[in-house]
Amino acid sequence: QVRSGELAVTIGDIKRFRQLDSKCPGHPEYRRTTGIEATTGPLGQGCG
């Protein structure tokens, strides 16, 4: 991590929510977007 790094999620990314190759897919995806701790969506999985 670097202090001067680019934003992990920009307004442009938010505008591309749920679009192909977006940093903001329909459900959070680990490794795709910095700051996401776990891929979730199927209910109960994040709890476990």
ModelCIF file with pLDDT and N, C-alpha, C, O atoms, coordinates in Angstrom:
data_MODEL
#
_entry.id   MODEL 
#
_entity.id                         1 
_entity.type                       polymer 
_entity.pdbx_number_of_molecules   1 
#
_entity_poly.entity_id                      1 
_entity_poly.type                           'polypeptide(L)' 
_entity_poly.nstd_linkage                   no 
_entity_poly.nstd_monomer                   no 
_entity_poly.pdbx_seq_one_letter_code       QVRSGELAVTIGDIKRFRQLDSKCPGHPEYRRTTGIEATTGPLGQGCG 
_entity_poly.pdbx_seq_one_letter_code_can   QVRSGELAVTIGDIKRFRQLDSKCPGHPEYRRTTGIEATTGPLGQGCG 
_entity_poly.pdbx_strand_id                 A 
#
loop_
_entity_poly_seq.entity_id 
_entity_poly_seq.num 
_entity_poly_seq.mon_id 
_entity_poly_seq.hetero 
1 1  GLN n 
1 2  VAL n 
1 3  ARG n 
1 4  SER n 
1 5  GLY n 
1 6  GLU n 
1 7  LEU n 
1 8  ALA n 
1 9  VAL n 
1 10 THR n 
1 11 ILE n 
1 12 GLY n 
1 13 ASP n 
1 14 ILE n 
1 15 LYS n 
1 16 ARG n 
1 17 PHE n 
1 18 ARG n 
1 19 GLN n 
1 20 LEU n 
1 21 ASP n 
1 22 SER n 
1 23 LYS n 
1 24 CYS n 
1 25 PRO n 
1 26 GLY n 
1 27 HIS n 
1 28 PRO n 
1 29 GLU n 
1 30 TYR n 
1 31 ARG n 
1 32 ARG n 
1 33 THR n 
1 34 THR n 
1 35 GLY n 
1 36 ILE n 
1 37 GLU n 
1 38 ALA n 
1 39 THR n 
1 40 THR n 
1 41 GLY n 
1 42 PRO n 
1 43 LEU n 
1 44 GLY n 
1 45 GLN n 
1 46 GLY n 
1 47 CYS n 
1 48 GLY n 
#
_struct_asym.id          A 
_struct_asym.entity_id   1 
#
loop_
_ma_qa_metric.id 
_ma_qa_metric.mode 
_ma_qa_metric.name 
_ma_qa_metric.software_group_id 
_ma_qa_metric.type 
1 global pLDDT . pLDDT 
2 local  pLDDT . pLDDT 
#
_ma_qa_metric_global.metric_id      1 
_ma_qa_metric_global.metric_value   92.23 
_ma_qa_metric_global.model_id       1 
_ma_qa_metric_global.ordinal_id     1 
#
loop_
_ma_qa_metric_local.label_asym_id 
_ma_qa_metric_local.label_comp_id 
_ma_qa_metric_local.label_seq_id 
_ma_qa_metric_local.metric_id 
_ma_qa_metric_local.metric_value 
_ma_qa_metric_local.model_id 
_ma_qa_metric_local.ordinal_id 
A GLN 1  2 44.00 1 1  
A VAL 2  2 41.00 1 2  
A ARG 3  2 44.00 1 3  
A SER 4  2 47.00 1 4  
A GLY 5  2 73.00 1 5  
A GLU 6  2 92.00 1 6  
A LEU 7  2 96.00 1 7  
A ALA 8  2 97.00 1 8  
A VAL 9  2 97.00 1 9  
A THR 10 2 97.00 1 10 
A ILE 11 2 97.00 1 11 
A GLY 12 2 97.00 1 12 
A ASP 13 2 97.00 1 13 
A ILE 14 2 98.00 1 14 
A LYS 15 2 98.00 1 15 
A ARG 16 2 98.00 1 16 
A PHE 17 2 98.00 1 17 
A ARG 18 2 98.00 1 18 
A GLN 19 2 98.00 1 19 
A LEU 20 2 97.00 1 20 
A ASP 21 2 94.00 1 21 
A SER 22 2 95.00 1 22 
A LYS 23 2 97.00 1 23 
A CYS 24 2 98.00 1 24 
A PRO 25 2 98.00 1 25 
A GLY 26 2 98.00 1 26 
A HIS 27 2 98.00 1 27 
A PRO 28 2 98.00 1 28 
A GLU 29 2 98.00 1 29 
A TYR 30 2 98.00 1 30 
A ARG 31 2 94.00 1 31 
A ARG 32 2 96.00 1 32 
A THR 33 2 97.00 1 33 
A THR 34 2 97.00 1 34 
A GLY 35 2 97.00 1 35 
A ILE 36 2 98.00 1 36 
A GLU 37 2 98.00 1 37 
A ALA 38 2 98.00 1 38 
A THR 39 2 98.00 1 39 
A THR 40 2 98.00 1 40 
A GLY 41 2 95.00 1 41 
A PRO 42 2 97.00 1 42 
A LEU 43 2 98.00 1 43 
A GLY 44 2 98.00 1 44 
A GLN 45 2 98.00 1 45 
A GLY 46 2 98.00 1 46 
A CYS 47 2 98.00 1 47 
A GLY 48 2 98.00 1 48 
#
loop_
_atom_site.group_PDB 
_atom_site.id 
_atom_site.type_symbol 
_atom_site.label_atom_id 
_atom_site.label_alt_id 
_atom_site.label_comp_id 
_atom_site.label_asym_id 
_atom_site.label_entity_id 
_atom_site.label_seq_id 
_atom_site.pdbx_PDB_ins_code 
_atom_site.Cartn_x 
_atom_site.Cartn_y 
_atom_site.Cartn_z 
_atom_site.occupancy 
_atom_site.B_iso_or_equiv 
_atom_site.pdbx_formal_charge 
_atom_site.auth_seq_id 
_atom_site.auth_comp_id 
_atom_site.auth_asym_id 
_atom_site.auth_atom_id 
_atom_site.pdbx_PDB_model_num 
ATOM 1   N N  . GLN A 1 1  ? 0.840   -1.181  0.000   1.00 44.00 ? 1  GLN A N  1 
ATOM 2   C CA . GLN A 1 1  ? 0.000   0.000   0.000   1.00 44.00 ? 1  GLN A CA 1 
ATOM 3   C C  . GLN A 1 1  ? 0.888   1.250   0.000   1.00 44.00 ? 1  GLN A C  1 
ATOM 4   O O  . GLN A 1 1  ? 1.938   1.274   0.643   1.00 44.00 ? 1  GLN A O  1 
ATOM 5   N N  . VAL A 1 2  ? 0.465   2.263   -0.713  1.00 41.00 ? 2  VAL A N  1 
ATOM 6   C CA . VAL A 1 2  ? 1.227   3.511   -0.754  1.00 41.00 ? 2  VAL A CA 1 
ATOM 7   C C  . VAL A 1 2  ? 0.305   4.675   -0.427  1.00 41.00 ? 2  VAL A C  1 
ATOM 8   O O  . VAL A 1 2  ? -0.873  4.665   -0.784  1.00 41.00 ? 2  VAL A O  1 
ATOM 9   N N  . ARG A 1 3  ? 0.844   5.670   0.250   1.00 44.00 ? 3  ARG A N  1 
ATOM 10  C CA . ARG A 1 3  ? 0.050   6.822   0.652   1.00 44.00 ? 3  ARG A CA 1 
ATOM 11  C C  . ARG A 1 3  ? -0.493  7.582   -0.555  1.00 44.00 ? 3  ARG A C  1 
ATOM 12  O O  . ARG A 1 3  ? -1.593  8.132   -0.500  1.00 44.00 ? 3  ARG A O  1 
ATOM 13  N N  . SER A 1 4  ? 0.263   7.612   -1.628  1.00 47.00 ? 4  SER A N  1 
ATOM 14  C CA . SER A 1 4  ? -0.134  8.405   -2.785  1.00 47.00 ? 4  SER A CA 1 
ATOM 15  C C  . SER A 1 4  ? -0.841  7.573   -3.842  1.00 47.00 ? 4  SER A C  1 
ATOM 16  O O  . SER A 1 4  ? -1.005  8.024   -4.975  1.00 47.00 ? 4  SER A O  1 
ATOM 17  N N  . GLY A 1 5  ? -1.259  6.367   -3.487  1.00 73.00 ? 5  GLY A N  1 
ATOM 18  C CA . GLY A 1 5  ? -1.909  5.486   -4.447  1.00 73.00 ? 5  GLY A CA 1 
ATOM 19  C C  . GLY A 1 5  ? -3.239  6.026   -4.922  1.00 73.00 ? 5  GLY A C  1 
ATOM 20  O O  . GLY A 1 5  ? -3.826  6.905   -4.290  1.00 73.00 ? 5  GLY A O  1 
ATOM 21  N N  . GLU A 1 6  ? -3.715  5.495   -6.043  1.00 92.00 ? 6  GLU A N  1 
ATOM 22  C CA . GLU A 1 6  ? -5.003  5.896   -6.585  1.00 92.00 ? 6  GLU A CA 1 
ATOM 23  C C  . GLU A 1 6  ? -6.131  5.351   -5.715  1.00 92.00 ? 6  GLU A C  1 
ATOM 24  O O  . GLU A 1 6  ? -5.956  4.378   -4.981  1.00 92.00 ? 6  GLU A O  1 
ATOM 25  N N  . LEU A 1 7  ? -7.279  5.991   -5.813  1.00 96.00 ? 7  LEU A N  1 
ATOM 26  C CA . LEU A 1 7  ? -8.438  5.517   -5.079  1.00 96.00 ? 7  LEU A CA 1 
ATOM 27  C C  . LEU A 1 7  ? -8.837  4.131   -5.569  1.00 96.00 ? 7  LEU A C  1 
ATOM 28  O O  . LEU A 1 7  ? -8.849  3.865   -6.771  1.00 96.00 ? 7  LEU A O  1 
ATOM 29  N N  . ALA A 1 8  ? -9.160  3.261   -4.634  1.00 97.00 ? 8  ALA A N  1 
ATOM 30  C CA . ALA A 1 8  ? -9.614  1.915   -4.999  1.00 97.00 ? 8  ALA A CA 1 
ATOM 31  C C  . ALA A 1 8  ? -10.960 1.972   -5.692  1.00 97.00 ? 8  ALA A C  1 
ATOM 32  O O  . ALA A 1 8  ? -11.224 1.193   -6.609  1.00 97.00 ? 8  ALA A O  1 
ATOM 33  N N  . VAL A 1 9  ? -11.825 2.900   -5.255  1.00 97.00 ? 9  VAL A N  1 
ATOM 34  C CA . VAL A 1 9  ? -13.146 3.073   -5.848  1.00 97.00 ? 9  VAL A CA 1 
ATOM 35  C C  . VAL A 1 9  ? -13.337 4.556   -6.135  1.00 97.00 ? 9  VAL A C  1 
ATOM 36  O O  . VAL A 1 9  ? -13.441 5.363   -5.211  1.00 97.00 ? 9  VAL A O  1 
ATOM 37  N N  . THR A 1 10 ? -13.382 4.913   -7.407  1.00 97.00 ? 10 THR A N  1 
ATOM 38  C CA . THR A 1 10 ? -13.603 6.290   -7.815  1.00 97.00 ? 10 THR A CA 1 
ATOM 39  C C  . THR A 1 10 ? -15.086 6.520   -8.099  1.00 97.00 ? 10 THR A C  1 
ATOM 40  O O  . THR A 1 10 ? -15.871 5.574   -8.155  1.00 97.00 ? 10 THR A O  1 
ATOM 41  N N  . ILE A 1 11 ? -15.455 7.776   -8.275  1.00 97.00 ? 11 ILE A N  1 
ATOM 42  C CA . ILE A 1 11 ? -16.824 8.074   -8.703  1.00 97.00 ? 11 ILE A CA 1 
ATOM 43  C C  . ILE A 1 11 ? -17.104 7.408   -10.049 1.00 97.00 ? 11 ILE A C  1 
ATOM 44  O O  . ILE A 1 11 ? -18.214 6.941   -10.307 1.00 97.00 ? 11 ILE A O  1 
ATOM 45  N N  . GLY A 1 12 ? -16.086 7.371   -10.897 1.00 97.00 ? 12 GLY A N  1 
ATOM 46  C CA . GLY A 1 12 ? -16.250 6.682   -12.182 1.00 97.00 ? 12 GLY A CA 1 
ATOM 47  C C  . GLY A 1 12 ? -16.569 5.213   -12.006 1.00 97.00 ? 12 GLY A C  1 
ATOM 48  O O  . GLY A 1 12 ? -17.389 4.659   -12.738 1.00 97.00 ? 12 GLY A O  1 
ATOM 49  N N  . ASP A 1 13 ? -15.918 4.571   -11.027 1.00 97.00 ? 13 ASP A N  1 
ATOM 50  C CA . ASP A 1 13 ? -16.219 3.162   -10.755 1.00 97.00 ? 13 ASP A CA 1 
ATOM 51  C C  . ASP A 1 13 ? -17.658 3.002   -10.277 1.00 97.00 ? 13 ASP A C  1 
ATOM 52  O O  . ASP A 1 13 ? -18.357 2.078   -10.692 1.00 97.00 ? 13 ASP A O  1 
ATOM 53  N N  . ILE A 1 14 ? -18.097 3.910   -9.400  1.00 98.00 ? 14 ILE A N  1 
ATOM 54  C CA . ILE A 1 14 ? -19.465 3.832   -8.883  1.00 98.00 ? 14 ILE A CA 1 
ATOM 55  C C  . ILE A 1 14 ? -20.468 4.033   -10.020 1.00 98.00 ? 14 ILE A C  1 
ATOM 56  O O  . ILE A 1 14 ? -21.524 3.400   -10.038 1.00 98.00 ? 14 ILE A O  1 
ATOM 57  N N  . LYS A 1 15 ? -20.143 4.898   -10.951 1.00 98.00 ? 15 LYS A N  1 
ATOM 58  C CA . LYS A 1 15 ? -21.029 5.104   -12.099 1.00 98.00 ? 15 LYS A CA 1 
ATOM 59  C C  . LYS A 1 15 ? -21.085 3.867   -12.991 1.00 98.00 ? 15 LYS A C  1 
ATOM 60  O O  . LYS A 1 15 ? -22.019 3.700   -13.775 1.00 98.00 ? 15 LYS A O  1 
ATOM 61  N N  . ARG A 1 16 ? -20.082 3.003   -12.865 1.00 98.00 ? 16 ARG A N  1 
ATOM 62  C CA . ARG A 1 16 ? -20.053 1.773   -13.662 1.00 98.00 ? 16 ARG A CA 1 
ATOM 63  C C  . ARG A 1 16 ? -20.443 0.549   -12.810 1.00 98.00 ? 16 ARG A C  1 
ATOM 64  O O  . ARG A 1 16 ? -20.060 -0.580  -13.119 1.00 98.00 ? 16 ARG A O  1 
ATOM 65  N N  . PHE A 1 17 ? -21.194 0.788   -11.757 1.00 98.00 ? 17 PHE A N  1 
ATOM 66  C CA . PHE A 1 17 ? -21.697 -0.274  -10.882 1.00 98.00 ? 17 PHE A CA 1 
ATOM 67  C C  . PHE A 1 17 ? -22.364 -1.373  -11.713 1.00 98.00 ? 17 PHE A C  1 
ATOM 68  O O  . PHE A 1 17 ? -23.216 -1.108  -12.561 1.00 98.00 ? 17 PHE A O  1 
ATOM 69  N N  . ARG A 1 18 ? -21.951 -2.609  -11.441 1.00 98.00 ? 18 ARG A N  1 
ATOM 70  C CA . ARG A 1 18 ? -22.519 -3.801  -12.075 1.00 98.00 ? 18 ARG A CA 1 
ATOM 71  C C  . ARG A 1 18 ? -22.233 -3.895  -13.579 1.00 98.00 ? 18 ARG A C  1 
ATOM 72  O O  . ARG A 1 18 ? -22.922 -4.625  -14.292 1.00 98.00 ? 18 ARG A O  1 
ATOM 73  N N  . GLN A 1 19 ? -21.227 -3.166  -14.062 1.00 98.00 ? 19 GLN A N  1 
ATOM 74  C CA . GLN A 1 19 ? -20.866 -3.251  -15.476 1.00 98.00 ? 19 GLN A CA 1 
ATOM 75  C C  . GLN A 1 19 ? -19.617 -4.115  -15.643 1.00 98.00 ? 19 GLN A C  1 
ATOM 76  O O  . GLN A 1 19 ? -18.900 -4.381  -14.678 1.00 98.00 ? 19 GLN A O  1 
ATOM 77  N N  . LEU A 1 20 ? -19.370 -4.543  -16.860 1.00 97.00 ? 20 LEU A N  1 
ATOM 78  C CA . LEU A 1 20 ? -18.272 -5.461  -17.151 1.00 97.00 ? 20 LEU A CA 1 
ATOM 79  C C  . LEU A 1 20 ? -16.938 -4.899  -16.684 1.00 97.00 ? 20 LEU A C  1 
ATOM 80  O O  . LEU A 1 20 ? -16.583 -3.764  -17.000 1.00 97.00 ? 20 LEU A O  1 
ATOM 81  N N  . ASP A 1 21 ? -16.200 -5.711  -15.924 1.00 94.00 ? 21 ASP A N  1 
ATOM 82  C CA . ASP A 1 21 ? -14.863 -5.376  -15.419 1.00 94.00 ? 21 ASP A CA 1 
ATOM 83  C C  . ASP A 1 21 ? -14.858 -4.201  -14.441 1.00 94.00 ? 21 ASP A C  1 
ATOM 84  O O  . ASP A 1 21 ? -13.808 -3.606  -14.197 1.00 94.00 ? 21 ASP A O  1 
ATOM 85  N N  . SER A 1 22 ? -16.016 -3.863  -13.881 1.00 95.00 ? 22 SER A N  1 
ATOM 86  C CA . SER A 1 22 ? -16.086 -2.761  -12.923 1.00 95.00 ? 22 SER A CA 1 
ATOM 87  C C  . SER A 1 22 ? -15.446 -3.152  -11.601 1.00 95.00 ? 22 SER A C  1 
ATOM 88  O O  . SER A 1 22 ? -15.437 -4.324  -11.225 1.00 95.00 ? 22 SER A O  1 
ATOM 89  N N  . LYS A 1 23 ? -14.908 -2.150  -10.894 1.00 97.00 ? 23 LYS A N  1 
ATOM 90  C CA . LYS A 1 23 ? -14.421 -2.356  -9.539  1.00 97.00 ? 23 LYS A CA 1 
ATOM 91  C C  . LYS A 1 23 ? -15.590 -2.455  -8.545  1.00 97.00 ? 23 LYS A C  1 
ATOM 92  O O  . LYS A 1 23 ? -15.394 -2.710  -7.357  1.00 97.00 ? 23 LYS A O  1 
ATOM 93  N N  . CYS A 1 24 ? -16.790 -2.249  -9.057  1.00 98.00 ? 24 CYS A N  1 
ATOM 94  C CA . CYS A 1 24 ? -18.001 -2.311  -8.228  1.00 98.00 ? 24 CYS A CA 1 
ATOM 95  C C  . CYS A 1 24 ? -18.965 -3.338  -8.822  1.00 98.00 ? 24 CYS A C  1 
ATOM 96  O O  . CYS A 1 24 ? -20.004 -2.970  -9.369  1.00 98.00 ? 24 CYS A O  1 
ATOM 97  N N  . PRO A 1 25 ? -18.624 -4.625  -8.718  1.00 98.00 ? 25 PRO A N  1 
ATOM 98  C CA . PRO A 1 25 ? -19.531 -5.655  -9.239  1.00 98.00 ? 25 PRO A CA 1 
ATOM 99  C C  . PRO A 1 25 ? -20.791 -5.763  -8.377  1.00 98.00 ? 25 PRO A C  1 
ATOM 100 O O  . PRO A 1 25 ? -20.906 -5.118  -7.335  1.00 98.00 ? 25 PRO A O  1 
ATOM 101 N N  . GLY A 1 26 ? -21.725 -6.587  -8.833  1.00 98.00 ? 26 GLY A N  1 
ATOM 102 C CA . GLY A 1 26 ? -23.009 -6.696  -8.157  1.00 98.00 ? 26 GLY A CA 1 
ATOM 103 C C  . GLY A 1 26 ? -22.918 -7.067  -6.695  1.00 98.00 ? 26 GLY A C  1 
ATOM 104 O O  . GLY A 1 26 ? -23.701 -6.582  -5.878  1.00 98.00 ? 26 GLY A O  1 
ATOM 105 N N  . HIS A 1 27 ? -21.961 -7.933  -6.353  1.00 98.00 ? 27 HIS A N  1 
ATOM 106 C CA . HIS A 1 27 ? -21.706 -8.301  -4.964  1.00 98.00 ? 27 HIS A CA 1 
ATOM 107 C C  . HIS A 1 27 ? -20.209 -8.136  -4.699  1.00 98.00 ? 27 HIS A C  1 
ATOM 108 O O  . HIS A 1 27 ? -19.404 -8.287  -5.618  1.00 98.00 ? 27 HIS A O  1 
ATOM 109 N N  . PRO A 1 28 ? -19.829 -7.833  -3.473  1.00 98.00 ? 28 PRO A N  1 
ATOM 110 C CA . PRO A 1 28 ? -18.409 -7.577  -3.184  1.00 98.00 ? 28 PRO A CA 1 
ATOM 111 C C  . PRO A 1 28 ? -17.532 -8.772  -3.528  1.00 98.00 ? 28 PRO A C  1 
ATOM 112 O O  . PRO A 1 28 ? -17.873 -9.915  -3.224  1.00 98.00 ? 28 PRO A O  1 
ATOM 113 N N  . GLU A 1 29 ? -16.396 -8.495  -4.167  1.00 98.00 ? 29 GLU A N  1 
ATOM 114 C CA . GLU A 1 29 ? -15.481 -9.554  -4.574  1.00 98.00 ? 29 GLU A CA 1 
ATOM 115 C C  . GLU A 1 29 ? -14.083 -9.284  -4.026  1.00 98.00 ? 29 GLU A C  1 
ATOM 116 O O  . GLU A 1 29 ? -13.451 -8.280  -4.352  1.00 98.00 ? 29 GLU A O  1 
ATOM 117 N N  . TYR A 1 30 ? -13.626 -10.194 -3.198  1.00 98.00 ? 30 TYR A N  1 
ATOM 118 C CA . TYR A 1 30 ? -12.275 -10.150 -2.655  1.00 98.00 ? 30 TYR A CA 1 
ATOM 119 C C  . TYR A 1 30 ? -11.258 -10.228 -3.788  1.00 98.00 ? 30 TYR A C  1 
ATOM 120 O O  . TYR A 1 30 ? -11.440 -10.990 -4.738  1.00 98.00 ? 30 TYR A O  1 
ATOM 121 N N  . ARG A 1 31 ? -10.200 -9.450  -3.691  1.00 94.00 ? 31 ARG A N  1 
ATOM 122 C CA . ARG A 1 31 ? -9.100  -9.358  -4.655  1.00 94.00 ? 31 ARG A CA 1 
ATOM 123 C C  . ARG A 1 31 ? -9.441  -8.478  -5.856  1.00 94.00 ? 31 ARG A C  1 
ATOM 124 O O  . ARG A 1 31 ? -8.531  -7.977  -6.515  1.00 94.00 ? 31 ARG A O  1 
ATOM 125 N N  . ARG A 1 32 ? -10.718 -8.277  -6.159  1.00 96.00 ? 32 ARG A N  1 
ATOM 126 C CA . ARG A 1 32 ? -11.059 -7.387  -7.260  1.00 96.00 ? 32 ARG A CA 1 
ATOM 127 C C  . ARG A 1 32 ? -10.951 -5.920  -6.825  1.00 96.00 ? 32 ARG A C  1 
ATOM 128 O O  . ARG A 1 32 ? -10.479 -5.069  -7.579  1.00 96.00 ? 32 ARG A O  1 
ATOM 129 N N  . THR A 1 33 ? -11.396 -5.643  -5.602  1.00 97.00 ? 33 THR A N  1 
ATOM 130 C CA . THR A 1 33 ? -11.481 -4.269  -5.130  1.00 97.00 ? 33 THR A CA 1 
ATOM 131 C C  . THR A 1 33 ? -10.795 -4.157  -3.774  1.00 97.00 ? 33 THR A C  1 
ATOM 132 O O  . THR A 1 33 ? -11.176 -4.855  -2.833  1.00 97.00 ? 33 THR A O  1 
ATOM 133 N N  . THR A 1 34 ? -9.803  -3.301  -3.659  1.00 97.00 ? 34 THR A N  1 
ATOM 134 C CA . THR A 1 34 ? -9.086  -3.106  -2.403  1.00 97.00 ? 34 THR A CA 1 
ATOM 135 C C  . THR A 1 34 ? -10.054 -2.672  -1.309  1.00 97.00 ? 34 THR A C  1 
ATOM 136 O O  . THR A 1 34 ? -10.906 -1.810  -1.525  1.00 97.00 ? 34 THR A O  1 
ATOM 137 N N  . GLY A 1 35 ? -9.914  -3.274  -0.141  1.00 97.00 ? 35 GLY A N  1 
ATOM 138 C CA . GLY A 1 35 ? -10.783 -2.961  0.982   1.00 97.00 ? 35 GLY A CA 1 
ATOM 139 C C  . GLY A 1 35 ? -11.899 -3.959  1.189   1.00 97.00 ? 35 GLY A C  1 
ATOM 140 O O  . GLY A 1 35 ? -12.562 -3.941  2.225   1.00 97.00 ? 35 GLY A O  1 
ATOM 141 N N  . ILE A 1 36 ? -12.116 -4.835  0.212   1.00 98.00 ? 36 ILE A N  1 
ATOM 142 C CA . ILE A 1 36 ? -13.116 -5.898  0.363   1.00 98.00 ? 36 ILE A CA 1 
ATOM 143 C C  . ILE A 1 36 ? -12.450 -7.055  1.088   1.00 98.00 ? 36 ILE A C  1 
ATOM 144 O O  . ILE A 1 36 ? -11.465 -7.608  0.598   1.00 98.00 ? 36 ILE A O  1 
ATOM 145 N N  . GLU A 1 37 ? -12.972 -7.426  2.244   1.00 98.00 ? 37 GLU A N  1 
ATOM 146 C CA . GLU A 1 37 ? -12.357 -8.482  3.055   1.00 98.00 ? 37 GLU A CA 1 
ATOM 147 C C  . GLU A 1 37 ? -12.777 -9.882  2.625   1.00 98.00 ? 37 GLU A C  1 
ATOM 148 O O  . GLU A 1 37 ? -12.068 -10.848 2.904   1.00 98.00 ? 37 GLU A O  1 
ATOM 149 N N  . ALA A 1 38 ? -13.923 -10.008 1.949   1.00 98.00 ? 38 ALA A N  1 
ATOM 150 C CA . ALA A 1 38 ? -14.419 -11.334 1.583   1.00 98.00 ? 38 ALA A CA 1 
ATOM 151 C C  . ALA A 1 38 ? -15.438 -11.194 0.465   1.00 98.00 ? 38 ALA A C  1 
ATOM 152 O O  . ALA A 1 38 ? -16.167 -10.205 0.399   1.00 98.00 ? 38 ALA A O  1 
ATOM 153 N N  . THR A 1 39 ? -15.483 -12.180 -0.407  1.00 98.00 ? 39 THR A N  1 
ATOM 154 C CA . THR A 1 39 ? -16.525 -12.245 -1.429  1.00 98.00 ? 39 THR A CA 1 
ATOM 155 C C  . THR A 1 39 ? -17.811 -12.726 -0.771  1.00 98.00 ? 39 THR A C  1 
ATOM 156 O O  . THR A 1 39 ? -17.853 -13.808 -0.187  1.00 98.00 ? 39 THR A O  1 
ATOM 157 N N  . THR A 1 40 ? -18.845 -11.924 -0.869  1.00 98.00 ? 40 THR A N  1 
ATOM 158 C CA . THR A 1 40 ? -20.117 -12.277 -0.246  1.00 98.00 ? 40 THR A CA 1 
ATOM 159 C C  . THR A 1 40 ? -21.246 -12.118 -1.249  1.00 98.00 ? 40 THR A C  1 
ATOM 160 O O  . THR A 1 40 ? -21.055 -11.592 -2.345  1.00 98.00 ? 40 THR A O  1 
ATOM 161 N N  . GLY A 1 41 ? -22.393 -12.568 -0.866  1.00 95.00 ? 41 GLY A N  1 
ATOM 162 C CA . GLY A 1 41 ? -23.566 -12.533 -1.741  1.00 95.00 ? 41 GLY A CA 1 
ATOM 163 C C  . GLY A 1 41 ? -24.479 -13.688 -1.413  1.00 95.00 ? 41 GLY A C  1 
ATOM 164 O O  . GLY A 1 41 ? -25.628 -13.467 -1.029  1.00 95.00 ? 41 GLY A O  1 
ATOM 165 N N  . PRO A 1 42 ? -23.994 -14.950 -1.554  1.00 97.00 ? 42 PRO A N  1 
ATOM 166 C CA . PRO A 1 42 ? -24.798 -16.071 -1.062  1.00 97.00 ? 42 PRO A CA 1 
ATOM 167 C C  . PRO A 1 42 ? -25.007 -15.906 0.443   1.00 97.00 ? 42 PRO A C  1 
ATOM 168 O O  . PRO A 1 42 ? -24.044 -15.927 1.209   1.00 97.00 ? 42 PRO A O  1 
ATOM 169 N N  . LEU A 1 43 ? -26.231 -15.747 0.858   1.00 98.00 ? 43 LEU A N  1 
ATOM 170 C CA . LEU A 1 43 ? -26.495 -15.321 2.230   1.00 98.00 ? 43 LEU A CA 1 
ATOM 171 C C  . LEU A 1 43 ? -26.003 -16.337 3.253   1.00 98.00 ? 43 LEU A C  1 
ATOM 172 O O  . LEU A 1 43 ? -26.102 -17.547 3.051   1.00 98.00 ? 43 LEU A O  1 
ATOM 173 N N  . GLY A 1 44 ? -25.482 -15.828 4.331   1.00 98.00 ? 44 GLY A N  1 
ATOM 174 C CA . GLY A 1 44 ? -24.937 -16.649 5.408   1.00 98.00 ? 44 GLY A CA 1 
ATOM 175 C C  . GLY A 1 44 ? -23.451 -16.899 5.295   1.00 98.00 ? 44 GLY A C  1 
ATOM 176 O O  . GLY A 1 44 ? -22.789 -17.163 6.299   1.00 98.00 ? 44 GLY A O  1 
ATOM 177 N N  . GLN A 1 45 ? -22.909 -16.821 4.079   1.00 98.00 ? 45 GLN A N  1 
ATOM 178 C CA . GLN A 1 45 ? -21.490 -17.131 3.894   1.00 98.00 ? 45 GLN A CA 1 
ATOM 179 C C  . GLN A 1 45 ? -20.591 -16.125 4.619   1.00 98.00 ? 45 GLN A C  1 
ATOM 180 O O  . GLN A 1 45 ? -19.606 -16.506 5.251   1.00 98.00 ? 45 GLN A O  1 
ATOM 181 N N  . GLY A 1 46 ? -20.938 -14.841 4.521   1.00 98.00 ? 46 GLY A N  1 
ATOM 182 C CA . GLY A 1 46 ? -20.132 -13.839 5.204   1.00 98.00 ? 46 GLY A CA 1 
ATOM 183 C C  . GLY A 1 46 ? -20.157 -14.001 6.709   1.00 98.00 ? 46 GLY A C  1 
ATOM 184 O O  . GLY A 1 46 ? -19.154 -13.765 7.382   1.00 98.00 ? 46 GLY A O  1 
ATOM 185 N N  . CYS A 1 47 ? -21.308 -14.406 7.242   1.00 98.00 ? 47 CYS A N  1 
ATOM 186 C CA . CYS A 1 47 ? -21.392 -14.652 8.684   1.00 98.00 ? 47 CYS A CA 1 
ATOM 187 C C  . CYS A 1 47 ? -20.398 -15.739 9.089   1.00 98.00 ? 47 CYS A C  1 
ATOM 188 O O  . CYS A 1 47 ? -19.645 -15.579 10.049  1.00 98.00 ? 47 CYS A O  1 
ATOM 189 N N  . GLY A 1 48 ? -20.405 -16.836 8.351   1.00 98.00 ? 48 GLY A N  1 
ATOM 190 C CA . GLY A 1 48 ? -19.486 -17.917 8.668   1.00 98.00 ? 48 GLY A CA 1 
ATOM 191 C C  . GLY A 1 48 ? -18.037 -17.513 8.520   1.00 98.00 ? 48 GLY A C  1 
ATOM 192 O O  . GLY A 1 48 ? -17.142 -18.325 8.755   1.00 98.00 ? 48 GLY A O  1 
#
